[in-house]
Amino acid sequence: MYEKIDFILEMIENIEKIVKRHNGVVKALSDFEGQMAILMGIAQIGETLNKIDDNFIEKFDLTEETLGAYYTRNYIVHDYEGIDLMIVETIVRKNLPVLKEKLLKDKNEN
């Protein structure tokens, strides 16, 4: 299971690097390659979170993040009615840092 946690943390760090390389989230999402890379990273995070044991998810209060990430993954992968980049921006700015903090807290406790 910790391999999955490490993978999610790696994807978050990759997204952080992409944002830094483009000097901000908006600029990264405005760039075709930056946008595609961020969307792929978010999709992979959602898919991987969905594969983590439910007991772990509940123990570390990740239920909301897991559901949100998996639903977001589905919208990205299946492109339902287009992808709202403002929502993606919010995910990158607000949701991913919270998820990262929770996962690092768990990893440091074990």
PDB file of N, CA and C in Angstrom:
ATOM      1  N   MET A   1       0.816  -1.189   0.000  1.00  0.00           N
ATOM      2  CA  MET A   1       0.000   0.000   0.000  1.00  0.00           C
ATOM      3  C   MET A   1       0.864   1.258   0.000  1.00  0.00           C
ATOM      4  N   TYR A   2       2.002   1.221   0.698  1.00  0.00           N
ATOM      5  CA  TYR A   2       2.832   2.428   0.747  1.00  0.00           C
ATOM      6  C   TYR A   2       3.464   2.741  -0.598  1.00  0.00           C
ATOM      7  N   GLU A   3       3.533   1.769  -1.490  1.00  0.00           N
ATOM      8  CA  GLU A   3       3.990   2.059  -2.846  1.00  0.00           C
ATOM      9  C   GLU A   3       2.993   2.984  -3.533  1.00  0.00           C
ATOM     10  N   LYS A   4       1.706   2.757  -3.270  1.00  0.00           N
ATOM     11  CA  LYS A   4       0.666   3.602  -3.858  1.00  0.00           C
ATOM     12  C   LYS A   4       0.740   5.016  -3.289  1.00  0.00           C
ATOM     13  N   ILE A   5       0.971   5.120  -1.994  1.00  0.00           N
ATOM     14  CA  ILE A   5       1.102   6.433  -1.358  1.00  0.00           C
ATOM     15  C   ILE A   5       2.302   7.173  -1.952  1.00  0.00           C
ATOM     16  N   ASP A   6       3.420   6.477  -2.090  1.00  0.00           N
ATOM     17  CA  ASP A   6       4.608   7.084  -2.687  1.00  0.00           C
ATOM     18  C   ASP A   6       4.339   7.545  -4.115  1.00  0.00           C
ATOM     19  N   PHE A   7       3.586   6.756  -4.870  1.00  0.00           N
ATOM     20  CA  PHE A   7       3.261   7.112  -6.252  1.00  0.00           C
ATOM     21  C   PHE A   7       2.405   8.383  -6.286  1.00  0.00           C
ATOM     22  N   ILE A   8       1.413   8.457  -5.401  1.00  0.00           N
ATOM     23  CA  ILE A   8       0.558   9.647  -5.350  1.00  0.00           C
ATOM     24  C   ILE A   8       1.386  10.873  -4.988  1.00  0.00           C
ATOM     25  N   LEU A   9       2.245  10.732  -3.992  1.00  0.00           N
ATOM     26  CA  LEU A   9       3.116  11.850  -3.605  1.00  0.00           C
ATOM     27  C   LEU A   9       4.021  12.272  -4.759  1.00  0.00           C
ATOM     28  N   GLU A  10       4.522  11.311  -5.511  1.00  0.00           N
ATOM     29  CA  GLU A  10       5.350  11.614  -6.677  1.00  0.00           C
ATOM     30  C   GLU A  10       4.544  12.391  -7.728  1.00  0.00           C
ATOM     31  N   MET A  11       3.299  11.990  -7.964  1.00  0.00           N
ATOM     32  CA  MET A  11       2.463  12.691  -8.936  1.00  0.00           C
ATOM     33  C   MET A  11       2.195  14.127  -8.488  1.00  0.00           C
ATOM     34  N   ILE A  12       1.938  14.310  -7.181  1.00  0.00           N
ATOM     35  CA  ILE A  12       1.717  15.663  -6.668  1.00  0.00           C
ATOM     36  C   ILE A  12       2.982  16.499  -6.849  1.00  0.00           C
ATOM     37  N   GLU A  13       4.124  15.923  -6.534  1.00  0.00           N
ATOM     38  CA  GLU A  13       5.389  16.651  -6.705  1.00  0.00           C
ATOM     39  C   GLU A  13       5.662  16.963  -8.175  1.00  0.00           C
ATOM     40  N   ASN A  14       5.319  16.068  -9.067  1.00  0.00           N
ATOM     41  CA  ASN A  14       5.472  16.339 -10.504  1.00  0.00           C
ATOM     42  C   ASN A  14       4.607  17.515 -10.931  1.00  0.00           C
ATOM     43  N   ILE A  15       3.377  17.550 -10.435  1.00  0.00           N
ATOM     44  CA  ILE A  15       2.481  18.668 -10.758  1.00  0.00           C
ATOM     45  C   ILE A  15       3.063  19.966 -10.199  1.00  0.00           C
ATOM     46  N   GLU A  16       3.599  19.911  -8.990  1.00  0.00           N
ATOM     47  CA  GLU A  16       4.232  21.098  -8.405  1.00  0.00           C
ATOM     48  C   GLU A  16       5.396  21.575  -9.270  1.00  0.00           C
ATOM     49  N   LYS A  17       6.195  20.658  -9.783  1.00  0.00           N
ATOM     50  CA  LYS A  17       7.327  21.012 -10.654  1.00  0.00           C
ATOM     51  C   LYS A  17       6.845  21.655 -11.957  1.00  0.00           C
ATOM     52  N   ILE A  18       5.782  21.107 -12.522  1.00  0.00           N
ATOM     53  CA  ILE A  18       5.231  21.663 -13.767  1.00  0.00           C
ATOM     54  C   ILE A  18       4.754  23.087 -13.531  1.00  0.00           C
ATOM     55  N   VAL A  19       4.053  23.295 -12.427  1.00  0.00           N
ATOM     56  CA  VAL A  19       3.552  24.635 -12.094  1.00  0.00           C
ATOM     57  C   VAL A  19       4.722  25.598 -11.891  1.00  0.00           C
ATOM     58  N   LYS A  20       5.734  25.159 -11.187  1.00  0.00           N
ATOM     59  CA  LYS A  20       6.913  26.007 -10.949  1.00  0.00           C
ATOM     60  C   LYS A  20       7.625  26.323 -12.260  1.00  0.00           C
ATOM     61  N   ARG A  21       7.787  25.327 -13.122  1.00  0.00           N
ATOM     62  CA  ARG A  21       8.464  25.518 -14.407  1.00  0.00           C
ATOM     63  C   ARG A  21       7.738  26.549 -15.275  1.00  0.00           C
ATOM     64  N   HIS A  22       6.416  26.613 -15.140  1.00  0.00           N
ATOM     65  CA  HIS A  22       5.618  27.551 -15.939  1.00  0.00           C
ATOM     66  C   HIS A  22       5.347  28.866 -15.201  1.00  0.00           C
ATOM     67  N   ASN A  23       5.904  29.016 -14.021  1.00  0.00           N
ATOM     68  CA  ASN A  23       5.705  30.227 -13.210  1.00  0.00           C
ATOM     69  C   ASN A  23       4.245  30.443 -12.822  1.00  0.00           C
ATOM     70  N   GLY A  24       3.566  29.377 -12.459  1.00  0.00           N
ATOM     71  CA  GLY A  24       2.206  29.499 -11.940  1.00  0.00           C
ATOM     72  C   GLY A  24       1.234  28.511 -12.560  1.00  0.00           C
ATOM     73  N   VAL A  25       0.152  28.288 -11.837  1.00  0.00           N
ATOM     74  CA  VAL A  25      -0.863  27.321 -12.263  1.00  0.00           C
ATOM     75  C   VAL A  25      -1.546  27.763 -13.547  1.00  0.00           C
ATOM     76  N   VAL A  26      -1.936  29.024 -13.599  1.00  0.00           N
ATOM     77  CA  VAL A  26      -2.662  29.521 -14.775  1.00  0.00           C
ATOM     78  C   VAL A  26      -1.812  29.384 -16.024  1.00  0.00           C
ATOM     79  N   LYS A  27      -0.539  29.752 -15.923  1.00  0.00           N
ATOM     80  CA  LYS A  27       0.350  29.637 -17.084  1.00  0.00           C
ATOM     81  C   LYS A  27       0.563  28.171 -17.467  1.00  0.00           C
ATOM     82  N   ALA A  28       0.673  27.301 -16.483  1.00  0.00           N
ATOM     83  CA  ALA A  28       0.851  25.874 -16.781  1.00  0.00           C
ATOM     84  C   ALA A  28      -0.367  25.316 -17.489  1.00  0.00           C
ATOM     85  N   LEU A  29      -1.555  25.712 -17.030  1.00  0.00           N
ATOM     86  CA  LEU A  29      -2.783  25.222 -17.658  1.00  0.00           C
ATOM     87  C   LEU A  29      -3.046  25.876 -19.012  1.00  0.00           C
ATOM     88  N   SER A  30      -2.424  27.014 -19.259  1.00  0.00           N
ATOM     89  CA  SER A  30      -2.558  27.689 -20.561  1.00  0.00           C
ATOM     90  C   SER A  30      -1.654  27.060 -21.614  1.00  0.00           C
ATOM     91  N   ASP A  31      -0.622  26.379 -21.159  1.00  0.00           N
ATOM     92  CA  ASP A  31       0.303  25.693 -22.058  1.00  0.00           C
ATOM     93  C   ASP A  31      -0.221  24.291 -22.333  1.00  0.00           C
ATOM     94  N   PHE A  32      -0.293  23.926 -23.608  1.00  0.00           N
ATOM     95  CA  PHE A  32      -0.857  22.622 -23.981  1.00  0.00           C
ATOM     96  C   PHE A  32      -0.171  21.466 -23.259  1.00  0.00           C
ATOM     97  N   GLU A  33       1.160  21.445 -23.287  1.00  0.00           N
ATOM     98  CA  GLU A  33       1.888  20.335 -22.647  1.00  0.00           C
ATOM     99  C   GLU A  33       1.741  20.374 -21.127  1.00  0.00           C
ATOM    100  N   GLY A  34       1.777  21.564 -20.558  1.00  0.00           N
ATOM    101  CA  GLY A  34       1.589  21.690 -19.116  1.00  0.00           C
ATOM    102  C   GLY A  34       0.209  21.212 -18.702  1.00  0.00           C
ATOM    103  N   GLN A  35      -0.796  21.625 -19.457  1.00  0.00           N
ATOM    104  CA  GLN A  35      -2.173  21.212 -19.178  1.00  0.00           C
ATOM    105  C   GLN A  35      -2.319  19.695 -19.250  1.00  0.00           C
ATOM    106  N   MET A  36      -1.791  19.106 -20.317  1.00  0.00           N
ATOM    107  CA  MET A  36      -1.918  17.656 -20.478  1.00  0.00           C
ATOM    108  C   MET A  36      -1.208  16.905 -19.351  1.00  0.00           C
ATOM    109  N   ALA A  37      -0.033  17.394 -18.957  1.00  0.00           N
ATOM    110  CA  ALA A  37       0.729  16.739 -17.890  1.00  0.00           C
ATOM    111  C   ALA A  37      -0.004  16.836 -16.551  1.00  0.00           C
ATOM    112  N   ILE A  38      -0.562  18.000 -16.255  1.00  0.00           N
ATOM    113  CA  ILE A  38      -1.297  18.172 -15.002  1.00  0.00           C
ATOM    114  C   ILE A  38      -2.543  17.289 -14.987  1.00  0.00           C
ATOM    115  N   LEU A  39      -3.273  17.273 -16.096  1.00  0.00           N
ATOM    116  CA  LEU A  39      -4.471  16.436 -16.159  1.00  0.00           C
ATOM    117  C   LEU A  39      -4.132  14.954 -16.002  1.00  0.00           C
ATOM    118  N   MET A  40      -3.047  14.514 -16.618  1.00  0.00           N
ATOM    119  CA  MET A  40      -2.636  13.116 -16.481  1.00  0.00           C
ATOM    120  C   MET A  40      -2.264  12.811 -15.034  1.00  0.00           C
ATOM    121  N   GLY A  41      -1.530  13.713 -14.398  1.00  0.00           N
ATOM    122  CA  GLY A  41      -1.155  13.507 -13.001  1.00  0.00           C
ATOM    123  C   GLY A  41      -2.369  13.406 -12.096  1.00  0.00           C
ATOM    124  N   ILE A  42      -3.337  14.293 -12.285  1.00  0.00           N
ATOM    125  CA  ILE A  42      -4.556  14.261 -11.471  1.00  0.00           C
ATOM    126  C   ILE A  42      -5.332  12.974 -11.731  1.00  0.00           C
ATOM    127  N   ALA A  43      -5.406  12.555 -12.985  1.00  0.00           N
ATOM    128  CA  ALA A  43      -6.100  11.301 -13.314  1.00  0.00           C
ATOM    129  C   ALA A  43      -5.424  10.114 -12.642  1.00  0.00           C
ATOM    130  N   GLN A  44      -4.106  10.092 -12.644  1.00  0.00           N
ATOM    131  CA  GLN A  44      -3.383   8.991 -12.014  1.00  0.00           C
ATOM    132  C   GLN A  44      -3.558   8.999 -10.500  1.00  0.00           C
ATOM    133  N   ILE A  45      -3.606  10.177  -9.908  1.00  0.00           N
ATOM    134  CA  ILE A  45      -3.854  10.284  -8.465  1.00  0.00           C
ATOM    135  C   ILE A  45      -5.228   9.703  -8.134  1.00  0.00           C
ATOM    136  N   GLY A  46      -6.238  10.076  -8.916  1.00  0.00           N
ATOM    137  CA  GLY A  46      -7.595   9.566  -8.678  1.00  0.00           C
ATOM    138  C   GLY A  46      -7.681   8.064  -8.822  1.00  0.00           C
ATOM    139  N   GLU A  47      -7.065   7.529  -9.846  1.00  0.00           N
ATOM    140  CA  GLU A  47      -7.082   6.085 -10.076  1.00  0.00           C
ATOM    141  C   GLU A  47      -6.376   5.345  -8.946  1.00  0.00           C
ATOM    142  N   THR A  48      -5.246   5.861  -8.508  1.00  0.00           N
ATOM    143  CA  THR A  48      -4.472   5.193  -7.458  1.00  0.00           C
ATOM    144  C   THR A  48      -5.174   5.277  -6.111  1.00  0.00           C
ATOM    145  N   LEU A  49      -5.734   6.437  -5.778  1.00  0.00           N
ATOM    146  CA  LEU A  49      -6.476   6.554  -4.523  1.00  0.00           C
ATOM    147  C   LEU A  49      -7.632   5.566  -4.468  1.00  0.00           C
ATOM    148  N   ASN A  50      -8.259   5.346  -5.596  1.00  0.00           N
ATOM    149  CA  ASN A  50      -9.389   4.420  -5.662  1.00  0.00           C
ATOM    150  C   ASN A  50      -8.965   2.973  -5.375  1.00  0.00           C
ATOM    151  N   LYS A  51      -7.688   2.677  -5.520  1.00  0.00           N
ATOM    152  CA  LYS A  51      -7.185   1.318  -5.314  1.00  0.00           C
ATOM    153  C   LYS A  51      -6.662   1.078  -3.897  1.00  0.00           C
ATOM    154  N   ILE A  52      -6.672   2.113  -3.068  1.00  0.00           N
ATOM    155  CA  ILE A  52      -6.161   1.982  -1.696  1.00  0.00           C
ATOM    156  C   ILE A  52      -7.259   1.395  -0.806  1.00  0.00           C
ATOM    157  N   ASP A  53      -6.840   0.583   0.124  1.00  0.00           N
ATOM    158  CA  ASP A  53      -7.733  -0.099   1.059  1.00  0.00           C
ATOM    159  C   ASP A  53      -8.650   0.891   1.789  1.00  0.00           C
ATOM    160  N   ASP A  54      -9.935   0.549   1.880  1.00  0.00           N
ATOM    161  CA  ASP A  54     -10.927   1.415   2.520  1.00  0.00           C
ATOM    162  C   ASP A  54     -10.594   1.699   3.983  1.00  0.00           C
ATOM    163  N   ASN A  55     -10.027   0.745   4.684  1.00  0.00           N
ATOM    164  CA  ASN A  55      -9.668   0.961   6.091  1.00  0.00           C
ATOM    165  C   ASN A  55      -8.633   2.069   6.227  1.00  0.00           C
ATOM    166  N   PHE A  56      -7.664   2.094   5.318  1.00  0.00           N
ATOM    167  CA  PHE A  56      -6.646   3.144   5.320  1.00  0.00           C
ATOM    168  C   PHE A  56      -7.309   4.490   5.036  1.00  0.00           C
ATOM    169  N   ILE A  57      -8.181   4.516   4.056  1.00  0.00           N
ATOM    170  CA  ILE A  57      -8.871   5.752   3.659  1.00  0.00           C
ATOM    171  C   ILE A  57      -9.642   6.323   4.847  1.00  0.00           C
ATOM    172  N   GLU A  58     -10.372   5.470   5.551  1.00  0.00           N
ATOM    173  CA  GLU A  58     -11.158   5.926   6.701  1.00  0.00           C
ATOM    174  C   GLU A  58     -10.257   6.335   7.862  1.00  0.00           C
ATOM    175  N   LYS A  59      -9.229   5.557   8.129  1.00  0.00           N
ATOM    176  CA  LYS A  59      -8.329   5.825   9.257  1.00  0.00           C
ATOM    177  C   LYS A  59      -7.678   7.197   9.142  1.00  0.00           C
ATOM    178  N   PHE A  60      -7.308   7.582   7.938  1.00  0.00           N
ATOM    179  CA  PHE A  60      -6.610   8.853   7.746  1.00  0.00           C
ATOM    180  C   PHE A  60      -7.499   9.930   7.142  1.00  0.00           C
ATOM    181  N   ASP A  61      -8.814   9.728   7.268  1.00  0.00           N
ATOM    182  CA  ASP A  61      -9.787  10.742   6.869  1.00  0.00           C
ATOM    183  C   ASP A  61      -9.571  11.219   5.434  1.00  0.00           C
ATOM    184  N   LEU A  62      -9.481  10.254   4.518  1.00  0.00           N
ATOM    185  CA  LEU A  62      -9.264  10.558   3.107  1.00  0.00           C
ATOM    186  C   LEU A  62     -10.490  10.255   2.239  1.00  0.00           C
ATOM    187  N   THR A  63     -11.632  10.014   2.879  1.00  0.00           N
ATOM    188  CA  THR A  63     -12.824   9.618   2.118  1.00  0.00           C
ATOM    189  C   THR A  63     -13.215  10.692   1.108  1.00  0.00           C
ATOM    190  N   GLU A  64     -13.295  11.933   1.549  1.00  0.00           N
ATOM    191  CA  GLU A  64     -13.695  13.020   0.652  1.00  0.00           C
ATOM    192  C   GLU A  64     -12.690  13.197  -0.491  1.00  0.00           C
ATOM    193  N   GLU A  65     -11.399  13.167  -0.158  1.00  0.00           N
ATOM    194  CA  GLU A  65     -10.362  13.320  -1.177  1.00  0.00           C
ATOM    195  C   GLU A  65     -10.406  12.185  -2.184  1.00  0.00           C
ATOM    196  N   THR A  66     -10.634  10.972  -1.700  1.00  0.00           N
ATOM    197  CA  THR A  66     -10.660   9.804  -2.579  1.00  0.00           C
ATOM    198  C   THR A  66     -11.823   9.880  -3.551  1.00  0.00           C
ATOM    199  N   LEU A  67     -13.013  10.176  -3.034  1.00  0.00           N
ATOM    200  CA  LEU A  67     -14.179  10.282  -3.916  1.00  0.00           C
ATOM    201  C   LEU A  67     -14.012  11.415  -4.921  1.00  0.00           C
ATOM    202  N   GLY A  68     -13.582  12.575  -4.441  1.00  0.00           N
ATOM    203  CA  GLY A  68     -13.390  13.717  -5.329  1.00  0.00           C
ATOM    204  C   GLY A  68     -12.350  13.450  -6.394  1.00  0.00           C
ATOM    205  N   ALA A  69     -11.255  12.821  -6.002  1.00  0.00           N
ATOM    206  CA  ALA A  69     -10.179  12.531  -6.958  1.00  0.00           C
ATOM    207  C   ALA A  69     -10.631  11.529  -8.005  1.00  0.00           C
ATOM    208  N   TYR A  70     -11.394  10.524  -7.583  1.00  0.00           N
ATOM    209  CA  TYR A  70     -11.831   9.518  -8.552  1.00  0.00           C
ATOM    210  C   TYR A  70     -12.875  10.092  -9.512  1.00  0.00           C
ATOM    211  N   TYR A  71     -13.791  10.903  -9.004  1.00  0.00           N
ATOM    212  CA  TYR A  71     -14.779  11.537  -9.888  1.00  0.00           C
ATOM    213  C   TYR A  71     -14.084  12.487 -10.866  1.00  0.00           C
ATOM    214  N   THR A  72     -13.095  13.216 -10.377  1.00  0.00           N
ATOM    215  CA  THR A  72     -12.332  14.110 -11.251  1.00  0.00           C
ATOM    216  C   THR A  72     -11.602  13.308 -12.311  1.00  0.00           C
ATOM    217  N   ARG A  73     -11.010  12.190 -11.911  1.00  0.00           N
ATOM    218  CA  ARG A  73     -10.332  11.295 -12.853  1.00  0.00           C
ATOM    219  C   ARG A  73     -11.280  10.882 -13.967  1.00  0.00           C
ATOM    220  N   ASN A  74     -12.507  10.514 -13.614  1.00  0.00           N
ATOM    221  CA  ASN A  74     -13.479  10.092 -14.624  1.00  0.00           C
ATOM    222  C   ASN A  74     -13.794  11.216 -15.602  1.00  0.00           C
ATOM    223  N   TYR A  75     -13.960  12.425 -15.096  1.00  0.00           N
ATOM    224  CA  TYR A  75     -14.248  13.553 -15.996  1.00  0.00           C
ATOM    225  C   TYR A  75     -13.075  13.846 -16.916  1.00  0.00           C
ATOM    226  N   ILE A  76     -11.864  13.749 -16.379  1.00  0.00           N
ATOM    227  CA  ILE A  76     -10.689  14.001 -17.220  1.00  0.00           C
ATOM    228  C   ILE A  76     -10.562  12.927 -18.290  1.00  0.00           C
ATOM    229  N   VAL A  77     -10.651  11.686 -17.888  1.00  0.00           N
ATOM    230  CA  VAL A  77     -10.434  10.566 -18.812  1.00  0.00           C
ATOM    231  C   VAL A  77     -11.526  10.491 -19.874  1.00  0.00           C
ATOM    232  N   HIS A  78     -12.764  10.743 -19.455  1.00  0.00           N
ATOM    233  CA  HIS A  78     -13.877  10.609 -20.396  1.00  0.00           C
ATOM    234  C   HIS A  78     -14.314  11.943 -20.996  1.00  0.00           C
ATOM    235  N   ASP A  79     -13.718  13.039 -20.529  1.00  0.00           N
ATOM    236  CA  ASP A  79     -13.968  14.375 -21.058  1.00  0.00           C
ATOM    237  C   ASP A  79     -15.458  14.691 -21.176  1.00  0.00           C
ATOM    238  N   TYR A  80     -16.178  14.453 -20.077  1.00  0.00           N
ATOM    239  CA  TYR A  80     -17.597  14.772 -20.055  1.00  0.00           C
ATOM    240  C   TYR A  80     -17.783  16.268 -20.211  1.00  0.00           C
ATOM    241  N   GLU A  81     -18.383  16.686 -21.297  1.00  0.00           N
ATOM    242  CA  GLU A  81     -18.716  18.085 -21.566  1.00  0.00           C
ATOM    243  C   GLU A  81     -17.515  19.017 -21.463  1.00  0.00           C
ATOM    244  N   GLY A  82     -16.340  18.527 -21.703  1.00  0.00           N
ATOM    245  CA  GLY A  82     -15.145  19.360 -21.608  1.00  0.00           C
ATOM    246  C   GLY A  82     -14.677  19.501 -20.173  1.00  0.00           C
ATOM    247  N   ILE A  83     -13.450  19.866 -20.021  1.00  0.00           N
ATOM    248  CA  ILE A  83     -12.852  19.983 -18.699  1.00  0.00           C
ATOM    249  C   ILE A  83     -12.791  21.452 -18.314  1.00  0.00           C
ATOM    250  N   ASP A  84     -13.317  21.783 -17.150  1.00  0.00           N
ATOM    251  CA  ASP A  84     -13.306  23.155 -16.653  1.00  0.00           C
ATOM    252  C   ASP A  84     -11.952  23.396 -15.980  1.00  0.00           C
ATOM    253  N   LEU A  85     -11.111  24.175 -16.636  1.00  0.00           N
ATOM    254  CA  LEU A  85      -9.763  24.409 -16.118  1.00  0.00           C
ATOM    255  C   LEU A  85      -9.756  25.230 -14.837  1.00  0.00           C
ATOM    256  N   MET A  86     -10.821  25.952 -14.565  1.00  0.00           N
ATOM    257  CA  MET A  86     -10.899  26.674 -13.292  1.00  0.00           C
ATOM    258  C   MET A  86     -11.016  25.678 -12.134  1.00  0.00           C
ATOM    259  N   ILE A  87     -11.726  24.591 -12.355  1.00  0.00           N
ATOM    260  CA  ILE A  87     -11.833  23.546 -11.333  1.00  0.00           C
ATOM    261  C   ILE A  87     -10.473  22.882 -11.158  1.00  0.00           C
ATOM    262  N   VAL A  88      -9.796  22.619 -12.257  1.00  0.00           N
ATOM    263  CA  VAL A  88      -8.462  22.012 -12.191  1.00  0.00           C
ATOM    264  C   VAL A  88      -7.514  22.941 -11.432  1.00  0.00           C
ATOM    265  N   GLU A  89      -7.603  24.226 -11.698  1.00  0.00           N
ATOM    266  CA  GLU A  89      -6.763  25.190 -10.983  1.00  0.00           C
ATOM    267  C   GLU A  89      -7.019  25.122  -9.476  1.00  0.00           C
ATOM    268  N   THR A  90      -8.270  25.044  -9.079  1.00  0.00           N
ATOM    269  CA  THR A  90      -8.618  24.938  -7.659  1.00  0.00           C
ATOM    270  C   THR A  90      -8.061  23.657  -7.060  1.00  0.00           C
ATOM    271  N   ILE A  91      -8.151  22.571  -7.803  1.00  0.00           N
ATOM    272  CA  ILE A  91      -7.608  21.293  -7.327  1.00  0.00           C
ATOM    273  C   ILE A  91      -6.108  21.422  -7.085  1.00  0.00           C
ATOM    274  N   VAL A  92      -5.405  22.023  -8.031  1.00  0.00           N
ATOM    275  CA  VAL A  92      -3.950  22.158  -7.905  1.00  0.00           C
ATOM    276  C   VAL A  92      -3.590  23.086  -6.751  1.00  0.00           C
ATOM    277  N   ARG A  93      -4.314  24.172  -6.601  1.00  0.00           N
ATOM    278  CA  ARG A  93      -3.988  25.167  -5.574  1.00  0.00           C
ATOM    279  C   ARG A  93      -4.405  24.724  -4.166  1.00  0.00           C
ATOM    280  N   LYS A  94      -5.565  24.077  -4.048  1.00  0.00           N
ATOM    281  CA  LYS A  94      -6.131  23.820  -2.715  1.00  0.00           C
ATOM    282  C   LYS A  94      -6.191  22.351  -2.329  1.00  0.00           C
ATOM    283  N   ASN A  95      -6.669  21.506  -3.226  1.00  0.00           N
ATOM    284  CA  ASN A  95      -6.895  20.110  -2.859  1.00  0.00           C
ATOM    285  C   ASN A  95      -5.619  19.280  -2.784  1.00  0.00           C
ATOM    286  N   LEU A  96      -4.738  19.452  -3.765  1.00  0.00           N
ATOM    287  CA  LEU A  96      -3.512  18.649  -3.763  1.00  0.00           C
ATOM    288  C   LEU A  96      -2.621  18.934  -2.553  1.00  0.00           C
ATOM    289  N   PRO A  97      -2.457  20.199  -2.130  1.00  0.00           N
ATOM    290  CA  PRO A  97      -1.652  20.427  -0.925  1.00  0.00           C
ATOM    291  C   PRO A  97      -2.239  19.761   0.329  1.00  0.00           C
ATOM    292  N   VAL A  98      -3.562  19.754   0.455  1.00  0.00           N
ATOM    293  CA  VAL A  98      -4.203  19.094   1.602  1.00  0.00           C
ATOM    294  C   VAL A  98      -3.968  17.590   1.542  1.00  0.00           C
ATOM    295  N   LEU A  99      -4.150  17.014   0.378  1.00  0.00           N
ATOM    296  CA  LEU A  99      -3.914  15.578   0.207  1.00  0.00           C
ATOM    297  C   LEU A  99      -2.463  15.238   0.514  1.00  0.00           C
ATOM    298  N   LYS A 100      -1.542  16.029   0.004  1.00  0.00           N
ATOM    299  CA  LYS A 100      -0.118  15.789   0.238  1.00  0.00           C
ATOM    300  C   LYS A 100       0.189  15.821   1.733  1.00  0.00           C
ATOM    301  N   GLU A 101      -0.345  16.808   2.413  1.00  0.00           N
ATOM    302  CA  GLU A 101      -0.106  16.936   3.859  1.00  0.00           C
ATOM    303  C   GLU A 101      -0.624  15.713   4.615  1.00  0.00           C
ATOM    304  N   LYS A 102      -1.819  15.253   4.279  1.00  0.00           N
ATOM    305  CA  LYS A 102      -2.381  14.078   4.950  1.00  0.00           C
ATOM    306  C   LYS A 102      -1.544  12.832   4.688  1.00  0.00           C
ATOM    307  N   LEU A 103      -1.126  12.660   3.452  1.00  0.00           N
ATOM    308  CA  LEU A 103      -0.335  11.471   3.113  1.00  0.00           C
ATOM    309  C   LEU A 103       1.051  11.515   3.755  1.00  0.00           C
ATOM    310  N   LEU A 104       1.657  12.674   3.797  1.00  0.00           N
ATOM    311  CA  LEU A 104       2.968  12.790   4.447  1.00  0.00           C
ATOM    312  C   LEU A 104       2.860  12.578   5.955  1.00  0.00           C
ATOM    313  N   LYS A 105       1.770  13.069   6.545  1.00  0.00           N
ATOM    314  CA  LYS A 105       1.554  12.862   7.978  1.00  0.00           C
ATOM    315  C   LYS A 105       1.471  11.373   8.286  1.00  0.00           C
ATOM    316  N   ASP A 106       0.686  10.654   7.482  1.00  0.00           N
ATOM    317  CA  ASP A 106       0.561   9.204   7.684  1.00  0.00           C
ATOM    318  C   ASP A 106       1.910   8.515   7.495  1.00  0.00           C
ATOM    319  N   LYS A 107       2.598   8.888   6.456  1.00  0.00           N
ATOM    320  CA  LYS A 107       3.882   8.248   6.135  1.00  0.00           C
ATOM    321  C   LYS A 107       4.895   8.482   7.252  1.00  0.00           C
ATOM    322  N   ASN A 108       4.900   9.676   7.828  1.00  0.00           N
ATOM    323  CA  ASN A 108       5.840   9.988   8.900  1.00  0.00           C
ATOM    324  C   ASN A 108       5.467   9.303  10.214  1.00  0.00           C
ATOM    325  N   GLU A 109       4.182   9.010  10.393  1.00  0.00           N
ATOM    326  CA  GLU A 109       3.744   8.335  11.618  1.00  0.00           C
ATOM    327  C   GLU A 109       4.047   6.851  11.583  1.00  0.00           C
ATOM    328  N   ASN A 110       4.232   6.297  10.389  1.00  0.00           N
ATOM    329  CA  ASN A 110       4.454   4.848  10.274  1.00  0.00           C
ATOM    330  C   ASN A 110       5.837   4.500   9.832  1.00  0.00           C
TER     331      ASN A 110
END
